[in-house]
Amino acid sequence: TSLPESFGNLSALKECNLWNNKLTTLPESFGNLESLRTLNLWKNPIKSIPDSFAKLSPLLHLRINHKRIPNVADNVRERFPFYSAFRKKKVYRLD
């Protein structure tokens, strides 16, 4: 399951709860959510994070997949340095 590319048109969106929606991918347009502060992606079998995710600069709260995400672009790792450290401990919630 995936979100349409048009999801990125919701540029005023501040909170997004996509918990348990069986999402396997996120659209590249996700990076256009310039007002997003809280994102819940828990319990989705997401296989990769798009490069554009690194543009989510106002993001303060992220709850991400309970399973490991094998494909994370370098620019996303740089923007969210906690990702690698917490992944090793299997902690995926940051509040």
C-alpha atoms as a PDB file:
ATOM      1  CA  THR A   1       0.000   0.000   0.000  1.00  0.00           C
ATOM      2  CA  SER A   2       1.233   3.500  -0.709  1.00  0.00           C
ATOM      3  CA  LEU A   3       0.116   7.109  -0.546  1.00  0.00           C
ATOM      4  CA  PRO A   4      -0.489   9.048  -3.760  1.00  0.00           C
ATOM      5  CA  GLU A   5       2.092  11.631  -4.877  1.00  0.00           C
ATOM      6  CA  SER A   6      -0.602  14.272  -4.321  1.00  0.00           C
ATOM      7  CA  PHE A   7      -0.234  13.664  -0.561  1.00  0.00           C
ATOM      8  CA  GLY A   8       2.713  16.068  -0.708  1.00  0.00           C
ATOM      9  CA  ASN A   9       0.327  18.878  -1.667  1.00  0.00           C
ATOM     10  CA  LEU A  10      -0.833  19.080   1.964  1.00  0.00           C
ATOM     11  CA  SER A  11       1.876  21.638   2.749  1.00  0.00           C
ATOM     12  CA  ALA A  12      -0.018  23.080   5.760  1.00  0.00           C
ATOM     13  CA  LEU A  13      -0.310  19.656   7.451  1.00  0.00           C
ATOM     14  CA  LYS A  14       1.154  19.812  10.975  1.00  0.00           C
ATOM     15  CA  GLU A  15       0.314  16.387  12.388  1.00  0.00           C
ATOM     16  CA  CYS A  16       0.058  13.139  10.468  1.00  0.00           C
ATOM     17  CA  ASN A  17      -1.005   9.819  11.959  1.00  0.00           C
ATOM     18  CA  LEU A  18      -0.554   6.972   9.487  1.00  0.00           C
ATOM     19  CA  TRP A  19      -0.396   4.261  12.151  1.00  0.00           C
ATOM     20  CA  ASN A  20      -1.028   0.694  10.963  1.00  0.00           C
ATOM     21  CA  ASN A  21      -1.980   1.425   7.339  1.00  0.00           C
ATOM     22  CA  LYS A  22       0.160  -1.304   5.753  1.00  0.00           C
ATOM     23  CA  LEU A  23       2.233   1.325   3.946  1.00  0.00           C
ATOM     24  CA  THR A  24       5.281  -0.113   2.209  1.00  0.00           C
ATOM     25  CA  THR A  25       6.478   3.105   0.555  1.00  0.00           C
ATOM     26  CA  LEU A  26       6.204   6.845   1.029  1.00  0.00           C
ATOM     27  CA  PRO A  27       5.924   9.161  -1.967  1.00  0.00           C
ATOM     28  CA  GLU A  28       8.871  11.386  -2.887  1.00  0.00           C
ATOM     29  CA  SER A  29       6.461  14.316  -2.478  1.00  0.00           C
ATOM     30  CA  PHE A  30       6.463  13.617   1.284  1.00  0.00           C
ATOM     31  CA  GLY A  31       9.296  16.138   1.558  1.00  0.00           C
ATOM     32  CA  ASN A  32       6.878  18.900   0.514  1.00  0.00           C
ATOM     33  CA  LEU A  33       5.094  18.699   3.877  1.00  0.00           C
ATOM     34  CA  GLU A  34       6.956  21.800   5.043  1.00  0.00           C
ATOM     35  CA  SER A  35       4.803  22.375   8.155  1.00  0.00           C
ATOM     36  CA  LEU A  36       4.861  18.795   9.449  1.00  0.00           C
ATOM     37  CA  ARG A  37       5.846  18.644  13.128  1.00  0.00           C
ATOM     38  CA  THR A  38       4.509  15.246  14.232  1.00  0.00           C
ATOM     39  CA  LEU A  39       4.583  12.058  12.181  1.00  0.00           C
ATOM     40  CA  ASN A  40       3.408   8.615  13.258  1.00  0.00           C
ATOM     41  CA  LEU A  41       4.371   5.797  10.881  1.00  0.00           C
ATOM     42  CA  TRP A  42       4.261   3.051  13.502  1.00  0.00           C
ATOM     43  CA  LYS A  43       3.290  -0.476  12.410  1.00  0.00           C
ATOM     44  CA  ASN A  44       3.834   0.017   8.687  1.00  0.00           C
ATOM     45  CA  PRO A  45       6.147  -2.358   6.791  1.00  0.00           C
ATOM     46  CA  ILE A  46       7.977   0.529   5.112  1.00  0.00           C
ATOM     47  CA  LYS A  47      10.905  -0.693   3.056  1.00  0.00           C
ATOM     48  CA  SER A  48      12.566   2.644   2.301  1.00  0.00           C
ATOM     49  CA  ILE A  49      12.519   6.317   3.219  1.00  0.00           C
ATOM     50  CA  PRO A  50      12.544   8.739   0.263  1.00  0.00           C
ATOM     51  CA  ASP A  51      15.414  11.223  -0.099  1.00  0.00           C
ATOM     52  CA  SER A  52      12.944  14.080   0.235  1.00  0.00           C
ATOM     53  CA  PHE A  53      12.287  13.047   3.853  1.00  0.00           C
ATOM     54  CA  ALA A  54      15.434  15.011   4.754  1.00  0.00           C
ATOM     55  CA  LYS A  55      13.575  18.238   3.890  1.00  0.00           C
ATOM     56  CA  LEU A  56      11.197  17.806   6.847  1.00  0.00           C
ATOM     57  CA  SER A  57      13.068  20.384   8.916  1.00  0.00           C
ATOM     58  CA  PRO A  58      10.225  21.325  11.297  1.00  0.00           C
ATOM     59  CA  LEU A  59       9.674  17.665  12.252  1.00  0.00           C
ATOM     60  CA  LEU A  60       9.910  17.370  16.045  1.00  0.00           C
ATOM     61  CA  HIS A  61       8.178  14.071  16.834  1.00  0.00           C
ATOM     62  CA  LEU A  62       8.674  10.927  14.820  1.00  0.00           C
ATOM     63  CA  ARG A  63       7.309   7.500  15.570  1.00  0.00           C
ATOM     64  CA  ILE A  64       8.527   5.107  12.962  1.00  0.00           C
ATOM     65  CA  ASN A  65       8.102   1.526  11.877  1.00  0.00           C
ATOM     66  CA  HIS A  66       8.434  -1.263  14.398  1.00  0.00           C
ATOM     67  CA  LYS A  67      10.499  -3.240  11.888  1.00  0.00           C
ATOM     68  CA  ARG A  68      13.844  -2.278  10.452  1.00  0.00           C
ATOM     69  CA  ILE A  69      13.833  -0.106   7.383  1.00  0.00           C
ATOM     70  CA  PRO A  70      16.594  -1.425   5.126  1.00  0.00           C
ATOM     71  CA  ASN A  71      16.872   1.510   2.709  1.00  0.00           C
ATOM     72  CA  VAL A  72      17.538   4.937   4.169  1.00  0.00           C
ATOM     73  CA  ALA A  73      19.326   7.501   2.003  1.00  0.00           C
ATOM     74  CA  ASP A  74      22.508   9.124   3.323  1.00  0.00           C
ATOM     75  CA  ASN A  75      20.946  12.600   3.336  1.00  0.00           C
ATOM     76  CA  VAL A  76      18.134  11.296   5.556  1.00  0.00           C
ATOM     77  CA  ARG A  77      20.672   9.741   7.934  1.00  0.00           C
ATOM     78  CA  GLU A  78      22.495  13.097   8.111  1.00  0.00           C
ATOM     79  CA  ARG A  79      19.282  15.021   8.807  1.00  0.00           C
ATOM     80  CA  PHE A  80      18.175  12.518  11.444  1.00  0.00           C
ATOM     81  CA  PRO A  81      21.428  11.324  13.056  1.00  0.00           C
ATOM     82  CA  PHE A  82      19.463   9.597  15.811  1.00  0.00           C
ATOM     83  CA  TYR A  83      18.204   7.060  13.274  1.00  0.00           C
ATOM     84  CA  SER A  84      21.350   4.913  13.217  1.00  0.00           C
ATOM     85  CA  ALA A  85      21.973   5.099  16.956  1.00  0.00           C
ATOM     86  CA  PHE A  86      18.444   4.152  17.918  1.00  0.00           C
ATOM     87  CA  ARG A  87      18.120   1.520  15.221  1.00  0.00           C
ATOM     88  CA  LYS A  88      20.906  -0.513  16.812  1.00  0.00           C
ATOM     89  CA  LYS A  89      18.925  -0.597  20.057  1.00  0.00           C
ATOM     90  CA  LYS A  90      15.645  -1.298  18.238  1.00  0.00           C
ATOM     91  CA  VAL A  91      14.130   1.923  19.571  1.00  0.00           C
ATOM     92  CA  TYR A  92      12.049   3.672  16.969  1.00  0.00           C
ATOM     93  CA  ARG A  93      10.054   6.207  18.936  1.00  0.00           C
ATOM     94  CA  LEU A  94      11.349   9.714  19.438  1.00  0.00           C
ATOM     95  CA  ASP A  95       9.293  12.223  21.410  1.00  0.00           C
END
